């Protein structure tokens, strides 16, 4: 069963309270602690990981979280992304905890070898009921925030070099990808600009991937004009996924049927351990006659 409670990240209130310093490794003890995790710790050059900082608290009375010092990612490519805002109930060694991902990054390594990521430092505020004796109202319970400063554990990543024999068209992307092409609804006419959408997506990072040579893949009847791309990331089944959507503008020279064939994307398949090529199914494009640009016959109006 899951219990949800909103985390007010970077609460200014926490910064002015007196923290109790902890190393963040309190597994098995009914006190707050941090854990750090990667979706995997053995990768190849250019591959991207999800690095998460997970908070464990013994109850749901969480007041807020503030990052004091971010994890040691300054020497590697990284991108901070959205963390979770809910607490999930779990049991560890007979002790009930509520967990939440309080910090998350997409992390890459471009050099082979062993790399260590130093854990970050976070202030965590927990609401605690305290009995006070008010001279007017008498004994009562008031809520006060207890603050602990937690340090996330270090983690190590083993990075292997990419094997030799790289294909000439290698995009630099590592993962498992698919490619497709489509034409938006509407009539494609000779002599007029038209649009084709090429999508590359799958498990892995496409941030710095080279685009396919689409200009060379168009048939002779379709004149290439321009292309723009939009890149996005997502998390699917605990792994980093991404997509490139390419808008290709072209102009057909004449009416008839044209076929775009051979659209491909070359990458390193980290699961199979070899270079792979994703090829889009052939795309048939029906080109209609263009609308004459000359003036039509004159029209006479009765007045």
C-alpha atoms as a PDB file:
ATOM      1  CA  UNK A   1       0.000   0.000   0.000  1.00  0.00           C
ATOM      2  CA  UNK A   2       1.314   3.442  -0.928  1.00  0.00           C
ATOM      3  CA  UNK A   3       0.967   6.591   1.130  1.00  0.00           C
ATOM      4  CA  UNK A   4       1.523   9.866  -0.660  1.00  0.00           C
ATOM      5  CA  UNK A   5       2.651  13.085   0.875  1.00  0.00           C
ATOM      6  CA  UNK A   6       3.873  16.217  -0.917  1.00  0.00           C
ATOM      7  CA  UNK A   7       7.566  17.050  -0.460  1.00  0.00           C
ATOM      8  CA  UNK A   8       8.248  20.771  -0.357  1.00  0.00           C
ATOM      9  CA  UNK A   9      11.722  20.740  -1.860  1.00  0.00           C
ATOM     10  CA  UNK A  10      14.262  23.386  -0.930  1.00  0.00           C
ATOM     11  CA  UNK A  11      12.149  24.766   1.915  1.00  0.00           C
ATOM     12  CA  UNK A  12      13.655  27.991   3.230  1.00  0.00           C
ATOM     13  CA  UNK A  13      12.537  27.099   6.740  1.00  0.00           C
ATOM     14  CA  UNK A  14      15.026  24.243   6.880  1.00  0.00           C
ATOM     15  CA  UNK A  15      17.978  26.484   6.125  1.00  0.00           C
ATOM     16  CA  UNK A  16      17.563  28.437   9.344  1.00  0.00           C
ATOM     17  CA  UNK A  17      17.142  25.479  11.701  1.00  0.00           C
ATOM     18  CA  UNK A  18      19.925  23.614  13.484  1.00  0.00           C
ATOM     19  CA  UNK A  19      20.757  20.379  11.667  1.00  0.00           C
ATOM     20  CA  UNK A  20      21.884  17.126  13.225  1.00  0.00           C
ATOM     21  CA  UNK A  21      24.635  15.724  11.002  1.00  0.00           C
ATOM     22  CA  UNK A  22      24.334  12.101   9.867  1.00  0.00           C
ATOM     23  CA  UNK A  23      26.258  10.048   7.316  1.00  0.00           C
ATOM     24  CA  UNK A  24      23.023   9.008   5.648  1.00  0.00           C
ATOM     25  CA  UNK A  25      23.729   5.278   5.903  1.00  0.00           C
ATOM     26  CA  UNK A  26      21.314   4.303   8.661  1.00  0.00           C
ATOM     27  CA  UNK A  27      19.877   1.147   7.126  1.00  0.00           C
ATOM     28  CA  UNK A  28      18.184  -0.996   9.731  1.00  0.00           C
ATOM     29  CA  UNK A  29      17.784   1.906  12.163  1.00  0.00           C
ATOM     30  CA  UNK A  30      14.487   3.802  12.590  1.00  0.00           C
ATOM     31  CA  UNK A  31      16.085   7.128  11.564  1.00  0.00           C
ATOM     32  CA  UNK A  32      16.123   9.015   8.239  1.00  0.00           C
ATOM     33  CA  UNK A  33      18.886   8.015   5.826  1.00  0.00           C
ATOM     34  CA  UNK A  34      19.833   8.318   2.162  1.00  0.00           C
ATOM     35  CA  UNK A  35      20.632   5.753  -0.468  1.00  0.00           C
ATOM     36  CA  UNK A  36      22.000   6.351  -3.974  1.00  0.00           C
ATOM     37  CA  UNK A  37      21.305   4.072  -6.902  1.00  0.00           C
ATOM     38  CA  UNK A  38      22.032   3.647 -10.597  1.00  0.00           C
ATOM     39  CA  UNK A  39      19.875   1.710 -13.028  1.00  0.00           C
ATOM     40  CA  UNK A  40      23.109  -0.237 -13.807  1.00  0.00           C
ATOM     41  CA  UNK A  41      26.800   0.121 -12.938  1.00  0.00           C
ATOM     42  CA  UNK A  42      28.493  -1.474 -15.963  1.00  0.00           C
ATOM     43  CA  UNK A  43      28.269   0.460 -19.221  1.00  0.00           C
ATOM     44  CA  UNK A  44      30.248   1.447 -22.328  1.00  0.00           C
ATOM     45  CA  UNK A  45      31.568   4.836 -23.403  1.00  0.00           C
ATOM     46  CA  UNK A  46      28.784   7.228 -24.340  1.00  0.00           C
ATOM     47  CA  UNK A  47      26.082   5.302 -22.512  1.00  0.00           C
ATOM     48  CA  UNK A  48      23.818   7.188 -20.097  1.00  0.00           C
ATOM     49  CA  UNK A  49      22.540   6.190 -16.650  1.00  0.00           C
ATOM     50  CA  UNK A  50      19.833   7.321 -14.247  1.00  0.00           C
ATOM     51  CA  UNK A  51      21.358   8.413 -10.931  1.00  0.00           C
ATOM     52  CA  UNK A  52      18.873   8.767  -8.059  1.00  0.00           C
ATOM     53  CA  UNK A  53      19.077   9.903  -4.449  1.00  0.00           C
ATOM     54  CA  UNK A  54      16.487   8.064  -2.358  1.00  0.00           C
ATOM     55  CA  UNK A  55      15.322   9.263   1.065  1.00  0.00           C
ATOM     56  CA  UNK A  56      14.157   6.778   3.726  1.00  0.00           C
ATOM     57  CA  UNK A  57      12.147   8.170   6.647  1.00  0.00           C
ATOM     58  CA  UNK A  58      10.441   6.167   9.443  1.00  0.00           C
ATOM     59  CA  UNK A  59       7.179   8.149   9.208  1.00  0.00           C
ATOM     60  CA  UNK A  60       5.283  10.398   6.823  1.00  0.00           C
ATOM     61  CA  UNK A  61       5.765  13.631   8.769  1.00  0.00           C
ATOM     62  CA  UNK A  62       8.249  15.058   6.276  1.00  0.00           C
ATOM     63  CA  UNK A  63       8.565  18.846   6.398  1.00  0.00           C
ATOM     64  CA  UNK A  64      10.920  19.438   3.464  1.00  0.00           C
ATOM     65  CA  UNK A  65      14.186  18.672   1.714  1.00  0.00           C
ATOM     66  CA  UNK A  66      17.031  20.985   0.712  1.00  0.00           C
ATOM     67  CA  UNK A  67      20.110  20.121  -1.345  1.00  0.00           C
ATOM     68  CA  UNK A  68      23.191  21.496   0.425  1.00  0.00           C
ATOM     69  CA  UNK A  69      25.809  20.012  -1.908  1.00  0.00           C
ATOM     70  CA  UNK A  70      24.928  18.196  -5.107  1.00  0.00           C
ATOM     71  CA  UNK A  71      26.546  14.833  -5.931  1.00  0.00           C
ATOM     72  CA  UNK A  72      30.040  14.865  -7.460  1.00  0.00           C
ATOM     73  CA  UNK A  73      29.027  15.077 -11.112  1.00  0.00           C
ATOM     74  CA  UNK A  74      31.067  18.107 -12.149  1.00  0.00           C
ATOM     75  CA  UNK A  75      33.517  16.047 -14.226  1.00  0.00           C
ATOM     76  CA  UNK A  76      30.949  14.076 -16.249  1.00  0.00           C
ATOM     77  CA  UNK A  77      28.084  15.035 -18.564  1.00  0.00           C
ATOM     78  CA  UNK A  78      24.858  15.216 -16.579  1.00  0.00           C
ATOM     79  CA  UNK A  79      21.395  16.688 -16.673  1.00  0.00           C
ATOM     80  CA  UNK A  80      19.200  17.216 -13.647  1.00  0.00           C
ATOM     81  CA  UNK A  81      15.641  16.039 -14.134  1.00  0.00           C
ATOM     82  CA  UNK A  82      12.408  15.916 -12.170  1.00  0.00           C
ATOM     83  CA  UNK A  83      12.331  13.978  -8.900  1.00  0.00           C
ATOM     84  CA  UNK A  84       9.336  12.239  -7.334  1.00  0.00           C
ATOM     85  CA  UNK A  85       7.005  14.071  -4.935  1.00  0.00           C
ATOM     86  CA  UNK A  86       5.367  11.083  -3.261  1.00  0.00           C
ATOM     87  CA  UNK A  87       6.275   8.837  -0.348  1.00  0.00           C
ATOM     88  CA  UNK A  88       5.957   5.092  -0.821  1.00  0.00           C
ATOM     89  CA  UNK A  89       5.675   2.662   2.062  1.00  0.00           C
ATOM     90  CA  UNK A  90       8.208  -0.177   2.281  1.00  0.00           C
ATOM     91  CA  UNK A  91       9.570  -2.565   4.908  1.00  0.00           C
ATOM     92  CA  UNK A  92      13.265  -3.264   5.469  1.00  0.00           C
ATOM     93  CA  UNK A  93      14.362  -5.761   8.113  1.00  0.00           C
ATOM     94  CA  UNK A  94      11.065  -5.486   9.929  1.00  0.00           C
ATOM     95  CA  UNK A  95      11.263  -1.664  10.021  1.00  0.00           C
ATOM     96  CA  UNK A  96       8.676   0.385   8.123  1.00  0.00           C
ATOM     97  CA  UNK A  97      10.037   3.238   6.001  1.00  0.00           C
ATOM     98  CA  UNK A  98       8.591   5.766   3.600  1.00  0.00           C
ATOM     99  CA  UNK A  99      10.776   6.419   0.573  1.00  0.00           C
ATOM    100  CA  UNK A 100      10.979   9.134  -2.057  1.00  0.00           C
ATOM    101  CA  UNK A 101      13.402  10.001  -4.875  1.00  0.00           C
ATOM    102  CA  UNK A 102      14.506  13.491  -3.822  1.00  0.00           C
ATOM    103  CA  UNK A 103      17.091  14.072  -6.570  1.00  0.00           C
ATOM    104  CA  UNK A 104      17.575  12.557 -10.038  1.00  0.00           C
ATOM    105  CA  UNK A 105      20.114  13.008 -12.841  1.00  0.00           C
ATOM    106  CA  UNK A 106      20.879  11.626 -16.287  1.00  0.00           C
ATOM    107  CA  UNK A 107      24.607  10.843 -16.129  1.00  0.00           C
ATOM    108  CA  UNK A 108      27.078   9.929 -18.889  1.00  0.00           C
ATOM    109  CA  UNK A 109      30.688   8.792 -19.087  1.00  0.00           C
ATOM    110  CA  UNK A 110      32.774   9.402 -22.195  1.00  0.00           C
ATOM    111  CA  UNK A 111      35.985   7.783 -20.946  1.00  0.00           C
ATOM    112  CA  UNK A 112      36.576   4.154 -20.053  1.00  0.00           C
ATOM    113  CA  UNK A 113      37.699   3.020 -16.592  1.00  0.00           C
ATOM    114  CA  UNK A 114      36.220   3.076 -13.096  1.00  0.00           C
ATOM    115  CA  UNK A 115      34.491   6.256 -12.018  1.00  0.00           C
ATOM    116  CA  UNK A 116      33.259   7.174  -8.548  1.00  0.00           C
ATOM    117  CA  UNK A 117      30.370   9.558  -7.879  1.00  0.00           C
ATOM    118  CA  UNK A 118      30.588  11.225  -4.485  1.00  0.00           C
ATOM    119  CA  UNK A 119      27.289  11.385  -2.626  1.00  0.00           C
ATOM    120  CA  UNK A 120      25.585  14.735  -2.162  1.00  0.00           C
ATOM    121  CA  UNK A 121      24.528  16.412   1.091  1.00  0.00           C
ATOM    122  CA  UNK A 122      20.876  17.150   1.903  1.00  0.00           C
ATOM    123  CA  UNK A 123      19.003  18.719   4.793  1.00  0.00           C
ATOM    124  CA  UNK A 124      15.825  16.866   5.693  1.00  0.00           C
ATOM    125  CA  UNK A 125      13.176  18.311   7.985  1.00  0.00           C
ATOM    126  CA  UNK A 126      10.781  16.056   9.905  1.00  0.00           C
ATOM    127  CA  UNK A 127       7.773  17.303  11.858  1.00  0.00           C
ATOM    128  CA  UNK A 128       7.899  16.244  15.527  1.00  0.00           C
ATOM    129  CA  UNK A 129       5.179  16.816  18.177  1.00  0.00           C
ATOM    130  CA  UNK A 130       6.616  18.445  21.314  1.00  0.00           C
ATOM    131  CA  UNK A 131       4.784  18.977  24.626  1.00  0.00           C
ATOM    132  CA  UNK A 132       5.084  22.507  25.984  1.00  0.00           C
ATOM    133  CA  UNK A 133       3.710  24.181  29.095  1.00  0.00           C
ATOM    134  CA  UNK A 134       2.106  27.438  28.117  1.00  0.00           C
ATOM    135  CA  UNK A 135       1.628  29.785  31.133  1.00  0.00           C
ATOM    136  CA  UNK A 136      -1.837  30.717  29.890  1.00  0.00           C
ATOM    137  CA  UNK A 137      -3.164  27.620  28.088  1.00  0.00           C
ATOM    138  CA  UNK A 138      -1.297  24.996  30.093  1.00  0.00           C
ATOM    139  CA  UNK A 139       0.252  21.805  28.644  1.00  0.00           C
ATOM    140  CA  UNK A 140      -0.216  21.322  24.905  1.00  0.00           C
ATOM    141  CA  UNK A 141       1.366  19.622  21.913  1.00  0.00           C
ATOM    142  CA  UNK A 142       3.078  21.792  19.325  1.00  0.00           C
ATOM    143  CA  UNK A 143       4.714  20.825  16.053  1.00  0.00           C
ATOM    144  CA  UNK A 144       8.422  21.513  15.628  1.00  0.00           C
ATOM    145  CA  UNK A 145      10.740  20.671  12.743  1.00  0.00           C
ATOM    146  CA  UNK A 146      13.687  18.416  13.500  1.00  0.00           C
ATOM    147  CA  UNK A 147      16.419  18.781  10.872  1.00  0.00           C
ATOM    148  CA  UNK A 148      19.062  16.221   9.967  1.00  0.00           C
ATOM    149  CA  UNK A 149      21.860  16.663   7.449  1.00  0.00           C
ATOM    150  CA  UNK A 150      22.327  13.485   5.423  1.00  0.00           C
ATOM    151  CA  UNK A 151      25.115  12.390   3.088  1.00  0.00           C
ATOM    152  CA  UNK A 152      24.417  10.006   0.230  1.00  0.00           C
ATOM    153  CA  UNK A 153      26.747   7.008  -0.232  1.00  0.00           C
ATOM    154  CA  UNK A 154      29.336   7.057  -3.018  1.00  0.00           C
ATOM    155  CA  UNK A 155      28.762   4.798  -6.030  1.00  0.00           C
ATOM    156  CA  UNK A 156      31.182   3.375  -8.612  1.00  0.00           C
ATOM    157  CA  UNK A 157      30.624   2.847 -12.326  1.00  0.00           C
ATOM    158  CA  UNK A 158      32.690   0.599 -14.589  1.00  0.00           C
ATOM    159  CA  UNK A 159      32.961   1.958 -18.149  1.00  0.00           C
ATOM    160  CA  UNK A 160      34.255  -0.140 -21.040  1.00  0.00           C
ATOM    161  CA  UNK A 161      35.560   1.358 -24.308  1.00  0.00           C
ATOM    162  CA  UNK A 162      33.477   0.982 -27.438  1.00  0.00           C
ATOM    163  CA  UNK A 163      34.805  -1.875 -29.575  1.00  0.00           C
ATOM    164  CA  UNK A 164      36.596  -1.279 -32.859  1.00  0.00           C
ATOM    165  CA  UNK A 165      35.041  -1.618 -36.274  1.00  0.00           C
ATOM    166  CA  UNK A 166      32.747   1.370 -35.944  1.00  0.00           C
ATOM    167  CA  UNK A 167      30.550   1.816 -39.033  1.00  0.00           C
ATOM    168  CA  UNK A 168      31.106   4.977 -41.062  1.00  0.00           C
ATOM    169  CA  UNK A 169      27.559   6.163 -40.392  1.00  0.00           C
ATOM    170  CA  UNK A 170      27.780   5.554 -36.603  1.00  0.00           C
ATOM    171  CA  UNK A 171      25.672   8.205 -34.854  1.00  0.00           C
ATOM    172  CA  UNK A 172      27.485   7.978 -31.513  1.00  0.00           C
ATOM    173  CA  UNK A 173      24.307   6.856 -29.734  1.00  0.00           C
ATOM    174  CA  UNK A 174      24.348   3.871 -27.367  1.00  0.00           C
ATOM    175  CA  UNK A 175      21.187   1.899 -26.620  1.00  0.00           C
ATOM    176  CA  UNK A 176      18.461   0.221 -28.629  1.00  0.00           C
ATOM    177  CA  UNK A 177      16.563   2.363 -31.128  1.00  0.00           C
ATOM    178  CA  UNK A 178      13.924   2.314 -33.856  1.00  0.00           C
ATOM    179  CA  UNK A 179      13.324   4.699 -36.763  1.00  0.00           C
ATOM    180  CA  UNK A 180      10.160   5.514 -38.701  1.00  0.00           C
ATOM    181  CA  UNK A 181       8.964   8.049 -41.268  1.00  0.00           C
ATOM    182  CA  UNK A 182       5.528   9.449 -42.032  1.00  0.00           C
ATOM    183  CA  UNK A 183       3.753  12.174 -44.004  1.00  0.00           C
ATOM    184  CA  UNK A 184       1.247  14.434 -42.203  1.00  0.00           C
ATOM    185  CA  UNK A 185      -2.302  14.403 -43.536  1.00  0.00           C
ATOM    186  CA  UNK A 186      -2.901  16.550 -46.580  1.00  0.00           C
ATOM    187  CA  UNK A 187      -2.253  16.590 -50.322  1.00  0.00           C
ATOM    188  CA  UNK A 188       1.344  16.604 -51.504  1.00  0.00           C
ATOM    189  CA  UNK A 189       1.539  18.591 -54.747  1.00  0.00           C
ATOM    190  CA  UNK A 190       4.285  18.994 -57.296  1.00  0.00           C
ATOM    191  CA  UNK A 191       6.136  22.283 -57.006  1.00  0.00           C
ATOM    192  CA  UNK A 192       4.925  22.940 -53.443  1.00  0.00           C
ATOM    193  CA  UNK A 193       6.764  22.475 -50.149  1.00  0.00           C
ATOM    194  CA  UNK A 194       5.744  19.397 -48.190  1.00  0.00           C
ATOM    195  CA  UNK A 195       6.769  17.860 -44.870  1.00  0.00           C
ATOM    196  CA  UNK A 196       7.992  14.431 -43.744  1.00  0.00           C
ATOM    197  CA  UNK A 197       8.381  13.455 -40.073  1.00  0.00           C
ATOM    198  CA  UNK A 198      11.248  11.116 -39.168  1.00  0.00           C
ATOM    199  CA  UNK A 199      11.196   9.697 -35.623  1.00  0.00           C
ATOM    200  CA  UNK A 200      14.125   8.001 -33.855  1.00  0.00           C
ATOM    201  CA  UNK A 201      13.335   6.609 -30.397  1.00  0.00           C
ATOM    202  CA  UNK A 202      14.236   3.898 -27.910  1.00  0.00           C
ATOM    203  CA  UNK A 203      16.215   3.075 -24.771  1.00  0.00           C
ATOM    204  CA  UNK A 204      19.319   5.254 -24.459  1.00  0.00           C
ATOM    205  CA  UNK A 205      20.406   8.860 -24.825  1.00  0.00           C
ATOM    206  CA  UNK A 206      20.092  10.740 -28.121  1.00  0.00           C
ATOM    207  CA  UNK A 207      21.235  14.149 -26.863  1.00  0.00           C
ATOM    208  CA  UNK A 208      24.437  14.267 -28.907  1.00  0.00           C
ATOM    209  CA  UNK A 209      23.562  11.722 -31.597  1.00  0.00           C
ATOM    210  CA  UNK A 210      24.343  12.665 -35.198  1.00  0.00           C
ATOM    211  CA  UNK A 211      21.332  12.847 -37.495  1.00  0.00           C
ATOM    212  CA  UNK A 212      20.993  10.521 -40.495  1.00  0.00           C
ATOM    213  CA  UNK A 213      21.954  11.819 -43.941  1.00  0.00           C
ATOM    214  CA  UNK A 214      18.346  12.315 -44.922  1.00  0.00           C
ATOM    215  CA  UNK A 215      19.234  14.547 -47.874  1.00  0.00           C
ATOM    216  CA  UNK A 216      21.039  11.622 -49.536  1.00  0.00           C
ATOM    217  CA  UNK A 217      18.191   9.207 -48.804  1.00  0.00           C
ATOM    218  CA  UNK A 218      15.489  11.147 -50.679  1.00  0.00           C
ATOM    219  CA  UNK A 219      14.645   9.978 -54.216  1.00  0.00           C
ATOM    220  CA  UNK A 220      15.548  12.202 -57.149  1.00  0.00           C
ATOM    221  CA  UNK A 221      11.995  13.502 -57.559  1.00  0.00           C
ATOM    222  CA  UNK A 222      11.931  14.927 -54.013  1.00  0.00           C
ATOM    223  CA  UNK A 223      14.113  18.014 -53.648  1.00  0.00           C
ATOM    224  CA  UNK A 224      15.452  18.495 -50.111  1.00  0.00           C
ATOM    225  CA  UNK A 225      14.806  21.974 -48.671  1.00  0.00           C
ATOM    226  CA  UNK A 226      15.547  21.923 -44.900  1.00  0.00           C
ATOM    227  CA  UNK A 227      15.161  19.973 -41.657  1.00  0.00           C
ATOM    228  CA  UNK A 228      14.840  20.739 -37.950  1.00  0.00           C
ATOM    229  CA  UNK A 229      14.945  18.384 -35.000  1.00  0.00           C
ATOM    230  CA  UNK A 230      13.439  18.295 -31.502  1.00  0.00           C
ATOM    231  CA  UNK A 231      14.878  16.004 -28.789  1.00  0.00           C
ATOM    232  CA  UNK A 232      13.215  14.780 -25.598  1.00  0.00           C
ATOM    233  CA  UNK A 233      13.879  12.339 -22.739  1.00  0.00           C
ATOM    234  CA  UNK A 234      11.737  10.101 -20.556  1.00  0.00           C
ATOM    235  CA  UNK A 235      12.032   7.266 -18.045  1.00  0.00           C
ATOM    236  CA  UNK A 236      10.522   3.927 -19.053  1.00  0.00           C
ATOM    237  CA  UNK A 237      10.748   0.721 -17.013  1.00  0.00           C
ATOM    238  CA  UNK A 238      13.462   2.282 -14.859  1.00  0.00           C
ATOM    239  CA  UNK A 239      15.732   3.141 -17.805  1.00  0.00           C
ATOM    240  CA  UNK A 240      16.502   6.303 -19.731  1.00  0.00           C
ATOM    241  CA  UNK A 241      14.678   6.657 -23.034  1.00  0.00           C
ATOM    242  CA  UNK A 242      14.775   9.433 -25.600  1.00  0.00           C
ATOM    243  CA  UNK A 243      13.386  10.514 -28.953  1.00  0.00           C
ATOM    244  CA  UNK A 244      14.408  12.703 -31.870  1.00  0.00           C
ATOM    245  CA  UNK A 245      11.622  14.054 -34.062  1.00  0.00           C
ATOM    246  CA  UNK A 246      12.950  15.442 -37.357  1.00  0.00           C
ATOM    247  CA  UNK A 247      10.802  17.626 -39.582  1.00  0.00           C
ATOM    248  CA  UNK A 248      12.036  17.391 -43.176  1.00  0.00           C
ATOM    249  CA  UNK A 249      10.813  19.950 -45.721  1.00  0.00           C
ATOM    250  CA  UNK A 250      11.014  18.868 -49.360  1.00  0.00           C
ATOM    251  CA  UNK A 251       9.494  19.824 -52.715  1.00  0.00           C
ATOM    252  CA  UNK A 252       8.349  17.259 -55.302  1.00  0.00           C
ATOM    253  CA  UNK A 253       9.396  18.084 -58.857  1.00  0.00           C
ATOM    254  CA  UNK A 254       6.586  16.235 -60.621  1.00  0.00           C
ATOM    255  CA  UNK A 255       3.408  14.259 -59.975  1.00  0.00           C
ATOM    256  CA  UNK A 256       3.481  10.530 -59.450  1.00  0.00           C
ATOM    257  CA  UNK A 257       4.532   8.022 -56.823  1.00  0.00           C
ATOM    258  CA  UNK A 258       7.803   8.426 -54.919  1.00  0.00           C
ATOM    259  CA  UNK A 259       9.259   5.965 -52.423  1.00  0.00           C
ATOM    260  CA  UNK A 260      11.568   6.966 -49.556  1.00  0.00           C
ATOM    261  CA  UNK A 261      13.570   3.847 -48.798  1.00  0.00           C
ATOM    262  CA  UNK A 262      16.716   3.160 -46.801  1.00  0.00           C
ATOM    263  CA  UNK A 263      16.173   5.688 -43.974  1.00  0.00           C
ATOM    264  CA  UNK A 264      18.481   4.283 -41.290  1.00  0.00           C
ATOM    265  CA  UNK A 265      20.123   5.092 -37.957  1.00  0.00           C
ATOM    266  CA  UNK A 266      23.356   3.406 -36.841  1.00  0.00           C
ATOM    267  CA  UNK A 267      24.042   2.956 -33.101  1.00  0.00           C
ATOM    268  CA  UNK A 268      25.809   0.706 -30.625  1.00  0.00           C
ATOM    269  CA  UNK A 269      23.477  -1.917 -29.167  1.00  0.00           C
ATOM    270  CA  UNK A 270      24.485  -2.156 -25.504  1.00  0.00           C
ATOM    271  CA  UNK A 271      22.280  -5.207 -24.891  1.00  0.00           C
ATOM    272  CA  UNK A 272      23.565  -7.246 -27.818  1.00  0.00           C
ATOM    273  CA  UNK A 273      27.130  -5.967 -27.515  1.00  0.00           C
ATOM    274  CA  UNK A 274      27.579  -4.860 -31.132  1.00  0.00           C
ATOM    275  CA  UNK A 275      26.797  -2.136 -33.647  1.00  0.00           C
ATOM    276  CA  UNK A 276      23.280  -2.115 -34.993  1.00  0.00           C
ATOM    277  CA  UNK A 277      21.236  -0.343 -37.640  1.00  0.00           C
ATOM    278  CA  UNK A 278      17.576   0.632 -37.375  1.00  0.00           C
ATOM    279  CA  UNK A 279      15.891   0.932 -40.790  1.00  0.00           C
ATOM    280  CA  UNK A 280      12.533   2.592 -41.395  1.00  0.00           C
ATOM    281  CA  UNK A 281       9.938   0.770 -43.520  1.00  0.00           C
ATOM    282  CA  UNK A 282       9.660   2.182 -47.089  1.00  0.00           C
ATOM    283  CA  UNK A 283       7.431   5.253 -47.245  1.00  0.00           C
ATOM    284  CA  UNK A 284       5.266   5.762 -50.353  1.00  0.00           C
ATOM    285  CA  UNK A 285       4.386   9.338 -51.198  1.00  0.00           C
ATOM    286  CA  UNK A 286       1.637  10.133 -53.716  1.00  0.00           C
ATOM    287  CA  UNK A 287       2.365  13.439 -55.434  1.00  0.00           C
ATOM    288  CA  UNK A 288      -0.549  15.227 -57.115  1.00  0.00           C
ATOM    289  CA  UNK A 289      -0.324  17.739 -59.941  1.00  0.00           C
ATOM    290  CA  UNK A 290       0.499  21.252 -58.848  1.00  0.00           C
ATOM    291  CA  UNK A 291      -2.050  24.041 -58.975  1.00  0.00           C
ATOM    292  CA  UNK A 292      -1.377  26.288 -62.016  1.00  0.00           C
ATOM    293  CA  UNK A 293       0.128  29.568 -60.933  1.00  0.00           C
ATOM    294  CA  UNK A 294      -1.092  31.596 -63.959  1.00  0.00           C
ATOM    295  CA  UNK A 295      -4.212  33.756 -64.018  1.00  0.00           C
ATOM    296  CA  UNK A 296      -7.438  32.017 -64.929  1.00  0.00           C
ATOM    297  CA  UNK A 297      -9.982  33.235 -67.535  1.00  0.00           C
ATOM    298  CA  UNK A 298     -11.492  36.649 -67.032  1.00  0.00           C
ATOM    299  CA  UNK A 299     -14.936  36.878 -65.447  1.00  0.00           C
ATOM    300  CA  UNK A 300     -17.607  39.385 -66.582  1.00  0.00           C
ATOM    301  CA  UNK A 301     -20.078  40.725 -64.041  1.00  0.00           C
ATOM    302  CA  UNK A 302     -23.420  42.345 -64.911  1.00  0.00           C
ATOM    303  CA  UNK A 303     -23.939  45.628 -63.144  1.00  0.00           C
END
